């Protein structure tokens, strides 16, 4: 699978390297993705997700159940 967060849908962005002489060459900005295992008590299962660090902070704040529910409603979950 490509470099895409499975909860937020964040993916690689494209931009330019700009030299001192103002030459522009294409480059990529990759999201900070981490492979992480989560326990879901409501389903009594463990799942492994590739999530961005900003999604990890949201999970720590709101809980995995709330974040999964919100992502499923938005259609972002790539499970």
C-alpha atoms as a PDB file:
ATOM      1  CA  UNK A   1       0.000   0.000   0.000  1.00  0.00           C
ATOM      2  CA  UNK A   2       1.116   3.568  -0.673  1.00  0.00           C
ATOM      3  CA  UNK A   3       2.175   6.030   1.997  1.00  0.00           C
ATOM      4  CA  UNK A   4      -1.329   6.929   3.169  1.00  0.00           C
ATOM      5  CA  UNK A   5      -2.647   7.277   6.725  1.00  0.00           C
ATOM      6  CA  UNK A   6      -5.404   4.714   7.197  1.00  0.00           C
ATOM      7  CA  UNK A   7      -7.426   6.971   9.515  1.00  0.00           C
ATOM      8  CA  UNK A   8      -7.023  10.512   8.241  1.00  0.00           C
ATOM      9  CA  UNK A   9      -6.248   9.810   4.578  1.00  0.00           C
ATOM     10  CA  UNK A  10      -3.104  11.969   4.650  1.00  0.00           C
ATOM     11  CA  UNK A  11      -0.848  11.171   1.707  1.00  0.00           C
ATOM     12  CA  UNK A  12       2.270  12.343  -0.097  1.00  0.00           C
ATOM     13  CA  UNK A  13       2.241  15.942  -1.294  1.00  0.00           C
ATOM     14  CA  UNK A  14       4.240  17.303  -4.218  1.00  0.00           C
ATOM     15  CA  UNK A  15       6.251  20.508  -4.304  1.00  0.00           C
ATOM     16  CA  UNK A  16       9.479  22.038  -5.546  1.00  0.00           C
ATOM     17  CA  UNK A  17      13.063  22.222  -4.354  1.00  0.00           C
ATOM     18  CA  UNK A  18      14.084  25.813  -5.009  1.00  0.00           C
ATOM     19  CA  UNK A  19      17.804  26.476  -5.380  1.00  0.00           C
ATOM     20  CA  UNK A  20      19.655  29.702  -4.640  1.00  0.00           C
ATOM     21  CA  UNK A  21      19.561  30.374  -8.398  1.00  0.00           C
ATOM     22  CA  UNK A  22      15.762  29.893  -8.267  1.00  0.00           C
ATOM     23  CA  UNK A  23      15.884  26.603 -10.215  1.00  0.00           C
ATOM     24  CA  UNK A  24      12.904  24.417  -9.415  1.00  0.00           C
ATOM     25  CA  UNK A  25      12.915  20.615  -9.321  1.00  0.00           C
ATOM     26  CA  UNK A  26      10.077  18.371  -8.193  1.00  0.00           C
ATOM     27  CA  UNK A  27      10.179  16.791  -4.751  1.00  0.00           C
ATOM     28  CA  UNK A  28       7.826  14.931  -2.407  1.00  0.00           C
ATOM     29  CA  UNK A  29       6.691  15.670   1.124  1.00  0.00           C
ATOM     30  CA  UNK A  30       5.941  12.377   2.881  1.00  0.00           C
ATOM     31  CA  UNK A  31       3.562  12.126   5.855  1.00  0.00           C
ATOM     32  CA  UNK A  32       5.086  10.942   9.129  1.00  0.00           C
ATOM     33  CA  UNK A  33       3.546   7.443   9.202  1.00  0.00           C
ATOM     34  CA  UNK A  34       3.996   4.863  11.953  1.00  0.00           C
ATOM     35  CA  UNK A  35       2.861   1.237  12.028  1.00  0.00           C
ATOM     36  CA  UNK A  36       0.966   0.760  15.286  1.00  0.00           C
ATOM     37  CA  UNK A  37      -1.126  -1.970  16.914  1.00  0.00           C
ATOM     38  CA  UNK A  38      -4.340  -0.958  18.673  1.00  0.00           C
ATOM     39  CA  UNK A  39      -6.646  -2.932  20.947  1.00  0.00           C
ATOM     40  CA  UNK A  40     -10.334  -2.299  20.294  1.00  0.00           C
ATOM     41  CA  UNK A  41     -12.239  -3.277  23.437  1.00  0.00           C
ATOM     42  CA  UNK A  42     -15.699  -3.025  21.818  1.00  0.00           C
ATOM     43  CA  UNK A  43     -14.716  -5.653  19.205  1.00  0.00           C
ATOM     44  CA  UNK A  44     -12.252  -7.486  21.519  1.00  0.00           C
ATOM     45  CA  UNK A  45      -9.598  -7.524  18.772  1.00  0.00           C
ATOM     46  CA  UNK A  46      -6.190  -6.106  17.936  1.00  0.00           C
ATOM     47  CA  UNK A  47      -5.672  -4.267  14.644  1.00  0.00           C
ATOM     48  CA  UNK A  48      -2.509  -2.954  13.015  1.00  0.00           C
ATOM     49  CA  UNK A  49      -2.802   0.421  11.320  1.00  0.00           C
ATOM     50  CA  UNK A  50      -0.414   2.662   9.425  1.00  0.00           C
ATOM     51  CA  UNK A  51      -1.260   6.042  10.942  1.00  0.00           C
ATOM     52  CA  UNK A  52       0.220   9.530  10.910  1.00  0.00           C
ATOM     53  CA  UNK A  53       1.622  10.935  14.129  1.00  0.00           C
ATOM     54  CA  UNK A  54      -1.128  13.560  14.185  1.00  0.00           C
ATOM     55  CA  UNK A  55      -3.681  10.716  14.108  1.00  0.00           C
ATOM     56  CA  UNK A  56      -1.834   9.085  17.036  1.00  0.00           C
ATOM     57  CA  UNK A  57      -2.239  12.298  19.041  1.00  0.00           C
ATOM     58  CA  UNK A  58      -5.959  12.330  18.216  1.00  0.00           C
ATOM     59  CA  UNK A  59      -6.274   8.686  19.314  1.00  0.00           C
ATOM     60  CA  UNK A  60      -4.515   9.482  22.602  1.00  0.00           C
ATOM     61  CA  UNK A  61      -6.899  12.375  23.186  1.00  0.00           C
ATOM     62  CA  UNK A  62     -10.252  10.881  22.090  1.00  0.00           C
ATOM     63  CA  UNK A  63      -9.741   7.100  22.163  1.00  0.00           C
ATOM     64  CA  UNK A  64      -9.493   4.569  19.347  1.00  0.00           C
ATOM     65  CA  UNK A  65     -13.241   3.809  19.261  1.00  0.00           C
ATOM     66  CA  UNK A  66     -14.225   7.454  18.724  1.00  0.00           C
ATOM     67  CA  UNK A  67     -11.548   8.024  16.072  1.00  0.00           C
ATOM     68  CA  UNK A  68     -12.467   4.830  14.176  1.00  0.00           C
ATOM     69  CA  UNK A  69     -16.154   5.778  14.253  1.00  0.00           C
ATOM     70  CA  UNK A  70     -15.411   9.263  12.912  1.00  0.00           C
ATOM     71  CA  UNK A  71     -13.089   7.914  10.193  1.00  0.00           C
ATOM     72  CA  UNK A  72     -15.676   5.357   9.058  1.00  0.00           C
ATOM     73  CA  UNK A  73     -18.319   8.092   8.768  1.00  0.00           C
ATOM     74  CA  UNK A  74     -15.926  10.237   6.721  1.00  0.00           C
ATOM     75  CA  UNK A  75     -15.020   7.244   4.542  1.00  0.00           C
ATOM     76  CA  UNK A  76     -11.284   7.507   5.267  1.00  0.00           C
ATOM     77  CA  UNK A  77     -10.705   4.081   6.813  1.00  0.00           C
ATOM     78  CA  UNK A  78      -8.596   1.909   4.536  1.00  0.00           C
ATOM     79  CA  UNK A  79      -9.105  -1.389   6.363  1.00  0.00           C
END
